[in-house]
């Protein structure tokens, strides 16, 4: 047996330290390798979590990129509206608002559903589908299947206009396919001369999903009509012919005064009917407008007379709307004021306009 000398003991210790050093290096390398591998696997696993994909979609929308939403829609559902209209609508929903989301329950295990909200109001539904290709280490991946707006729904609008008018919506003329009603009676029809074309109206209906429609109308003479709106109902207002009849306003006031005088007994029925077309509705029904009291007015006057909304129903027939205060003085009584509000219809008789019919407004 070799004698254990100091030199030999020193060599053994040195070899031991050398082996221990290399073993430690190998152990450290293995730990580092495992840590790197584990970190890589964990990062890969974490990256496959659906929430990051949802956050990415939400971030894209917050940045004003709505291509992903548009690609999930079916444009055939809103053929009259454009991609720009859609973007403007979505921009109005999301601009400057915080986008949040929460997961929805879906029956298909290969899918994930998420409801997206802007400042608490849900506006879209995001669907993820499991990818057929797993990651390098076998983790399942997710990809966007669809992103659809959940607040877009067809809105029905109606338009009422004269049958002789042309109605356009966003520059497109509404045709027979949009008609929902024809020959709708108007207040003028029952007061027309026999054989005169009726003033019937019609109604249209159309839908929009997200854009505000621009409705316009022109009459049979090509004049632009005023279009009013109440809720989702539009009305094309008939064009008035006020400029054409300005010179006839004094005649209308004269006739109104004569009729009102008859009503309170200042004029006789014969005097009043002299202002009417012979055998006309106005002449035959004059007594229907009597406001007789126990005494006859001694005098009367008209104040605040307004005559407007002229419509030329033919070259020799028109109607207009008149309002006035008819102030009468009766014996031993204070003045009495009657508020007059009539539609008056006039027919040309030689060179003067005569009253054909009158109706309370």
Protein backbone atom coordinates (compact mmCIF):
# COMPACT_ATOMS: atom_id res chain seq x y z
CA UNK A 1 0.00 0.00 0.00
CA UNK A 2 1.29 3.31 -1.01
CA UNK A 3 2.15 5.62 1.76
CA UNK A 4 -0.21 8.63 1.96
CA UNK A 5 2.22 11.45 1.73
CA UNK A 6 1.42 15.14 1.74
CA UNK A 7 2.07 15.39 -1.99
CA UNK A 8 -0.28 12.57 -2.75
CA UNK A 9 -2.96 14.05 -0.44
CA UNK A 10 -2.58 17.38 -2.18
CA UNK A 11 -3.07 15.78 -5.60
CA UNK A 12 -6.24 14.01 -4.40
CA UNK A 13 -7.68 17.21 -3.05
CA UNK A 14 -6.86 19.06 -6.25
CA UNK A 15 -8.55 16.33 -8.37
CA UNK A 16 -11.57 16.41 -6.09
CA UNK A 17 -11.88 20.15 -6.41
CA UNK A 18 -11.51 19.86 -10.17
CA UNK A 19 -14.22 17.20 -10.42
CA UNK A 20 -16.45 19.19 -8.10
CA UNK A 21 -15.93 22.33 -10.18
CA UNK A 22 -16.90 20.61 -13.42
CA UNK A 23 -19.86 18.92 -11.74
CA UNK A 24 -21.04 22.29 -10.48
CA UNK A 25 -20.66 23.82 -13.96
CA UNK A 26 -22.68 20.99 -15.46
CA UNK A 27 -25.33 21.36 -12.78
CA UNK A 28 -25.55 25.11 -13.28
CA UNK A 29 -25.74 24.66 -17.05
CA UNK A 30 -28.52 22.11 -16.61
CA UNK A 31 -30.44 24.42 -14.28
CA UNK A 32 -30.02 27.37 -16.67
CA UNK A 33 -31.06 25.24 -19.62
CA UNK A 34 -34.10 23.95 -17.78
CA UNK A 35 -35.01 27.44 -16.63
CA UNK A 36 -34.72 28.78 -20.18
CA UNK A 37 -36.72 25.86 -21.51
CA UNK A 38 -39.37 26.23 -18.84
CA UNK A 39 -39.58 29.98 -19.44
CA UNK A 40 -39.92 29.40 -23.16
CA UNK A 41 -42.70 26.86 -22.59
CA UNK A 42 -44.48 29.13 -20.16
CA UNK A 43 -44.19 32.10 -22.51
CA UNK A 44 -45.51 29.99 -25.34
CA UNK A 45 -48.40 28.79 -23.17
CA UNK A 46 -49.18 32.30 -21.97
CA UNK A 47 -49.11 33.67 -25.50
CA UNK A 48 -51.79 31.19 -26.55
CA UNK A 49 -54.30 32.52 -23.99
CA UNK A 50 -57.37 33.96 -25.78
CA UNK A 51 -57.46 37.12 -23.66
CA UNK A 52 -54.41 38.52 -25.44
CA UNK A 53 -56.07 38.06 -28.81
CA UNK A 54 -59.22 39.77 -27.51
CA UNK A 55 -57.12 42.64 -26.12
CA UNK A 56 -55.42 42.95 -29.50
CA UNK A 57 -58.77 43.20 -31.30
CA UNK A 58 -60.03 45.77 -28.78
CA UNK A 59 -56.83 47.78 -29.21
CA UNK A 60 -57.25 47.79 -32.97
CA UNK A 61 -60.78 49.16 -32.62
CA UNK A 62 -59.65 51.79 -30.12
CA UNK A 63 -57.05 52.91 -32.67
CA UNK A 64 -59.82 53.52 -35.21
CA UNK A 65 -59.23 50.48 -37.44
CA UNK A 66 -62.66 48.97 -38.14
CA UNK A 67 -61.67 46.64 -40.97
CA UNK A 68 -62.09 43.58 -38.72
CA UNK A 69 -65.68 44.57 -37.92
CA UNK A 70 -66.54 45.33 -41.53
CA UNK A 71 -65.16 41.96 -42.69
CA UNK A 72 -67.54 40.22 -40.28
CA UNK A 73 -70.66 41.91 -41.66
CA UNK A 74 -72.90 40.85 -44.53
CA UNK A 75 -73.24 43.90 -46.84
CA UNK A 76 -76.25 42.35 -48.58
CA UNK A 77 -78.24 43.15 -45.44
CA UNK A 78 -77.80 46.87 -46.10
CA UNK A 79 -77.41 47.23 -49.89
CA UNK A 80 -78.16 50.97 -49.92
CA UNK A 81 -75.39 51.81 -47.45
CA UNK A 82 -71.66 51.95 -48.06
CA UNK A 83 -68.56 50.90 -46.17
CA UNK A 84 -67.92 54.57 -45.41
CA UNK A 85 -71.41 54.83 -43.88
CA UNK A 86 -70.59 51.79 -41.73
CA UNK A 87 -67.27 53.23 -40.58
CA UNK A 88 -68.94 56.54 -39.70
CA UNK A 89 -71.54 54.70 -37.63
CA UNK A 90 -68.96 52.60 -35.75
CA UNK A 91 -66.78 55.67 -35.22
CA UNK A 92 -69.72 57.36 -33.56
CA UNK A 93 -70.08 54.35 -31.24
CA UNK A 94 -66.44 53.99 -30.24
CA UNK A 95 -64.58 57.26 -30.68
CA UNK A 96 -63.11 58.40 -27.35
CA UNK A 97 -64.72 55.57 -25.37
CA UNK A 98 -63.14 52.83 -23.29
CA UNK A 99 -63.53 49.38 -24.81
CA UNK A 100 -63.99 46.48 -22.38
CA UNK A 101 -65.01 42.87 -22.81
CA UNK A 102 -66.28 39.83 -20.97
CA UNK A 103 -66.49 36.20 -21.98
CA UNK A 104 -69.78 34.66 -23.05
CA UNK A 105 -70.85 31.04 -22.68
CA UNK A 106 -70.74 29.09 -25.96
CA UNK A 107 -71.86 25.48 -26.44
CA UNK A 108 -69.07 24.63 -28.87
CA UNK A 109 -65.80 23.73 -27.11
CA UNK A 110 -63.85 24.72 -30.21
CA UNK A 111 -65.06 28.30 -29.89
CA UNK A 112 -64.82 31.17 -27.45
CA UNK A 113 -67.24 34.10 -27.43
CA UNK A 114 -66.67 37.62 -26.09
CA UNK A 115 -69.02 40.58 -25.74
CA UNK A 116 -67.30 43.91 -26.43
CA UNK A 117 -68.61 47.10 -24.83
CA UNK A 118 -67.86 50.80 -25.20
CA UNK A 119 -68.35 52.71 -21.95
CA UNK A 120 -70.59 49.90 -20.72
CA UNK A 121 -72.75 49.63 -23.84
CA UNK A 122 -72.31 46.39 -25.76
CA UNK A 123 -71.57 46.98 -29.43
CA UNK A 124 -70.01 43.80 -30.87
CA UNK A 125 -69.60 40.06 -30.44
CA UNK A 126 -66.20 38.47 -31.03
CA UNK A 127 -65.86 34.78 -31.84
CA UNK A 128 -62.57 32.89 -31.57
CA UNK A 129 -62.06 29.40 -32.97
CA UNK A 130 -59.45 26.85 -31.94
CA UNK A 131 -56.73 26.56 -34.54
CA UNK A 132 -56.07 23.16 -36.11
CA UNK A 133 -52.33 23.74 -35.75
CA UNK A 134 -50.96 23.52 -32.19
CA UNK A 135 -47.87 25.36 -31.02
CA UNK A 136 -44.37 23.92 -31.04
CA UNK A 137 -44.90 22.34 -27.64
CA UNK A 138 -48.44 21.15 -28.34
CA UNK A 139 -50.50 23.99 -26.85
CA UNK A 140 -53.79 24.83 -28.57
CA UNK A 141 -53.96 28.16 -30.39
CA UNK A 142 -56.88 30.51 -31.07
CA UNK A 143 -57.70 32.70 -34.05
CA UNK A 144 -60.38 35.28 -34.80
CA UNK A 145 -63.36 33.71 -36.54
CA UNK A 146 -65.67 36.71 -36.70
CA UNK A 147 -66.39 40.12 -35.22
CA UNK A 148 -69.91 41.38 -35.73
CA UNK A 149 -71.72 44.45 -34.54
CA UNK A 150 -74.51 43.60 -32.12
CA UNK A 151 -76.29 46.96 -32.30
CA UNK A 152 -77.00 47.23 -36.03
CA UNK A 153 -80.63 46.55 -36.83
CA UNK A 154 -82.83 47.66 -39.74
CA UNK A 155 -84.77 50.85 -39.04
CA UNK A 156 -87.97 51.38 -41.03
CA UNK A 157 -88.73 54.86 -42.35
CA UNK A 158 -91.86 56.14 -44.08
CA UNK A 159 -92.41 58.98 -46.53
CA UNK A 160 -95.73 60.57 -47.47
CA UNK A 161 -95.88 62.75 -50.57
CA UNK A 162 -98.23 63.81 -53.38
CA UNK A 163 -98.59 61.12 -56.00
CA UNK A 164 -97.24 63.53 -58.62
CA UNK A 165 -94.02 64.09 -56.64
CA UNK A 166 -90.69 62.36 -57.12
CA UNK A 167 -89.11 61.22 -53.85
CA UNK A 168 -85.42 60.37 -53.47
CA UNK A 169 -83.52 58.85 -50.57
CA UNK A 170 -79.78 59.43 -50.58
CA UNK A 171 -80.05 60.42 -54.22
CA UNK A 172 -81.96 57.31 -55.34
CA UNK A 173 -85.56 57.65 -56.54
CA UNK A 174 -88.07 55.55 -54.63
CA UNK A 175 -89.95 53.35 -57.09
CA UNK A 176 -93.05 51.19 -57.09
CA UNK A 177 -91.28 48.55 -54.99
CA UNK A 178 -91.19 51.01 -52.09
CA UNK A 179 -94.85 52.03 -52.28
CA UNK A 180 -97.03 51.04 -49.33
CA UNK A 181 -100.10 53.09 -50.19
CA UNK A 182 -101.61 55.04 -53.08
CA UNK A 183 -104.64 57.26 -53.65
CA UNK A 184 -104.58 58.54 -50.08
CA UNK A 185 -107.26 61.21 -49.79
CA UNK A 186 -106.26 64.77 -48.92
CA UNK A 187 -108.19 67.69 -47.47
CA UNK A 188 -108.45 69.27 -50.93
CA UNK A 189 -110.08 66.39 -52.79
CA UNK A 190 -113.64 66.87 -51.55
CA UNK A 191 -113.63 70.54 -52.54
CA UNK A 192 -112.50 70.22 -56.17
CA UNK A 193 -114.50 70.99 -59.28
CA UNK A 194 -116.07 68.02 -61.02
CA UNK A 195 -113.58 66.41 -63.38
CA UNK A 196 -110.57 68.10 -61.79
CA UNK A 197 -107.56 65.80 -61.16
CA UNK A 198 -107.47 64.64 -57.56
CA UNK A 199 -104.80 65.72 -55.12
CA UNK A 200 -104.15 62.21 -53.83
CA UNK A 201 -101.00 61.29 -51.92
CA UNK A 202 -99.01 58.11 -51.57
CA UNK A 203 -96.74 56.57 -48.97
CA UNK A 204 -93.35 54.89 -49.24
CA UNK A 205 -91.31 52.73 -46.92
CA UNK A 206 -87.59 52.01 -46.81
CA UNK A 207 -85.01 50.78 -44.30
CA UNK A 208 -81.57 51.79 -43.15
CA UNK A 209 -79.30 49.99 -40.71
CA UNK A 210 -76.90 52.63 -39.49
CA UNK A 211 -76.86 55.75 -41.67
CA UNK A 212 -79.21 58.73 -41.42
CA UNK A 213 -81.20 58.95 -44.67
CA UNK A 214 -81.39 62.15 -46.69
CA UNK A 215 -84.90 62.47 -48.12
CA UNK A 216 -85.75 64.96 -50.85
CA UNK A 217 -88.77 65.52 -53.08
CA UNK A 218 -89.71 67.53 -56.16
CA UNK A 219 -93.21 68.27 -57.42
CA UNK A 220 -94.54 67.74 -60.94
CA UNK A 221 -93.16 71.14 -61.96
CA UNK A 222 -89.67 70.22 -60.77
CA UNK A 223 -89.79 72.46 -57.70
CA UNK A 224 -88.01 71.28 -54.56
CA UNK A 225 -90.42 70.48 -51.77
CA UNK A 226 -89.81 71.00 -48.09
CA UNK A 227 -89.48 67.65 -46.31
CA UNK A 228 -90.40 67.56 -42.65
CA UNK A 229 -89.55 64.79 -40.21
CA UNK A 230 -91.19 63.48 -37.07
CA UNK A 231 -89.37 60.48 -35.67
CA UNK A 232 -88.91 58.05 -38.56
CA UNK A 233 -91.74 59.55 -40.62
CA UNK A 234 -91.00 62.02 -43.41
CA UNK A 235 -93.56 64.23 -45.15
CA UNK A 236 -93.01 66.03 -48.44
CA UNK A 237 -94.83 69.34 -48.08
CA UNK A 238 -96.63 70.55 -51.15
CA UNK A 239 -95.07 73.58 -52.84
CA UNK A 240 -97.12 76.69 -52.27
CA UNK A 241 -97.95 79.12 -55.07
CA UNK A 242 -97.93 82.23 -52.88
CA UNK A 243 -95.95 84.40 -55.31
CA UNK A 244 -98.47 83.75 -58.08
CA UNK A 245 -101.45 85.00 -56.08
CA UNK A 246 -100.11 87.98 -54.15
CA UNK A 247 -102.29 90.39 -56.17
CA UNK A 248 -105.41 88.35 -55.26
CA UNK A 249 -105.04 88.63 -51.48
CA UNK A 250 -107.23 91.77 -51.26
CA UNK A 251 -109.98 89.91 -53.12
CA UNK A 252 -109.76 86.99 -50.68
CA UNK A 253 -110.08 89.38 -47.73
CA UNK A 254 -113.06 91.09 -49.39
CA UNK A 255 -114.88 87.79 -49.84
CA UNK A 256 -114.07 86.65 -46.30
CA UNK A 257 -115.45 89.93 -44.94
CA UNK A 258 -118.67 89.51 -46.90
CA UNK A 259 -119.18 85.96 -45.62
CA UNK A 260 -118.38 86.95 -42.04
CA UNK A 261 -120.76 89.95 -42.27
CA UNK A 262 -123.54 87.60 -43.37
CA UNK A 263 -122.85 85.30 -40.46
CA UNK A 264 -123.50 88.08 -37.91
CA UNK A 265 -126.42 89.55 -39.83
CA UNK A 266 -124.81 92.67 -41.27
CA UNK A 267 -125.36 91.45 -44.84
CA UNK A 268 -128.16 89.42 -46.30
CA UNK A 269 -127.68 85.94 -47.63
CA UNK A 270 -128.19 87.32 -51.14
CA UNK A 271 -125.44 89.86 -50.67
CA UNK A 272 -123.08 87.18 -49.39
CA UNK A 273 -123.91 84.75 -52.19
CA UNK A 274 -123.05 87.41 -54.74
CA UNK A 275 -119.43 86.64 -53.87
CA UNK A 276 -119.94 82.90 -54.47
CA UNK A 277 -120.01 80.71 -57.56
CA UNK A 278 -123.67 80.02 -58.42
CA UNK A 279 -124.93 76.71 -57.05
CA UNK A 280 -121.52 76.01 -55.52
CA UNK A 281 -121.01 74.31 -52.14
CA UNK A 282 -120.20 77.71 -50.62
CA UNK A 283 -123.42 79.22 -51.93
CA UNK A 284 -125.62 76.26 -50.97
CA UNK A 285 -124.26 75.79 -47.46
CA UNK A 286 -123.88 79.38 -46.36
CA UNK A 287 -126.31 78.94 -43.51
CA UNK A 288 -124.09 76.25 -41.96
CA UNK A 289 -121.68 78.94 -40.84
CA UNK A 290 -124.22 81.06 -38.99
CA UNK A 291 -123.14 82.40 -35.61
CA UNK A 292 -126.48 84.02 -34.91
CA UNK A 293 -127.02 85.57 -31.54
CA UNK A 294 -130.18 87.13 -30.13
CA UNK A 295 -129.25 90.42 -31.80
CA UNK A 296 -127.61 91.49 -35.00
CA UNK A 297 -124.21 93.13 -35.01
CA UNK A 298 -124.26 96.82 -35.78
CA UNK A 299 -120.81 96.86 -37.22
CA UNK A 300 -117.80 94.54 -37.68
CA UNK A 301 -114.22 94.67 -38.80
CA UNK A 302 -111.40 92.28 -39.63
CA UNK A 303 -108.00 92.49 -37.98
CA UNK A 304 -104.79 90.45 -38.18
CA UNK A 305 -105.76 89.05 -41.57
CA UNK A 306 -103.29 86.46 -42.93
CA UNK A 307 -103.64 84.72 -46.28
CA UNK A 308 -101.07 82.07 -47.23
CA UNK A 309 -100.49 78.53 -48.49
CA UNK A 310 -101.91 79.15 -51.97
CA UNK A 311 -102.23 76.09 -54.20
CA UNK A 312 -103.01 76.44 -57.89
CA UNK A 313 -105.21 73.42 -58.47
CA UNK A 314 -105.77 74.52 -62.08
CA UNK A 315 -105.46 77.69 -64.12
CA UNK A 316 -108.86 78.89 -62.90
CA UNK A 317 -109.08 77.29 -59.47
CA UNK A 318 -107.04 77.75 -56.30
CA UNK A 319 -107.27 77.34 -52.57
CA UNK A 320 -105.64 79.20 -49.71
CA UNK A 321 -105.53 79.25 -45.94
CA UNK A 322 -106.85 82.35 -44.18
CA UNK A 323 -106.88 83.40 -40.55
CA UNK A 324 -108.23 86.59 -39.02
CA UNK A 325 -109.89 88.14 -36.00
CA UNK A 326 -113.47 89.20 -36.78
CA UNK A 327 -114.50 91.84 -34.24
CA UNK A 328 -118.22 92.55 -33.96
CA UNK A 329 -120.12 95.19 -32.00
CA UNK A 330 -123.54 94.20 -30.66
CA UNK A 331 -126.04 96.52 -28.96
CA UNK A 332 -125.41 97.07 -25.24
CA UNK A 333 -122.52 94.62 -25.26
CA UNK A 334 -118.74 94.76 -25.44
CA UNK A 335 -117.05 93.86 -28.71
CA UNK A 336 -116.97 90.14 -29.46
CA UNK A 337 -114.03 88.61 -31.33
CA UNK A 338 -114.39 85.53 -33.51
CA UNK A 339 -111.25 83.69 -34.61
CA UNK A 340 -111.62 82.82 -38.27
CA UNK A 341 -109.57 79.91 -39.64
CA UNK A 342 -110.64 78.64 -43.07
CA UNK A 343 -109.53 76.89 -46.20
CA UNK A 344 -111.08 78.90 -49.02
CA UNK A 345 -111.49 77.65 -52.60
CA UNK A 346 -111.88 80.10 -55.47
CA UNK A 347 -112.97 79.67 -59.07
CA UNK A 348 -112.37 82.22 -61.81
CA UNK A 349 -115.65 83.87 -62.92
CA UNK A 350 -114.95 86.07 -65.93
CA UNK A 351 -112.30 88.44 -64.57
CA UNK A 352 -112.87 87.94 -60.84
CA UNK A 353 -112.38 85.16 -58.34
CA UNK A 354 -115.56 83.86 -56.71
CA UNK A 355 -115.84 81.63 -53.65
CA UNK A 356 -116.52 78.02 -54.59
CA UNK A 357 -116.18 76.32 -51.20
CA UNK A 358 -115.08 77.05 -47.67
CA UNK A 359 -114.02 74.69 -44.90
CA UNK A 360 -112.98 75.17 -41.32
CA UNK A 361 -109.33 74.38 -40.77
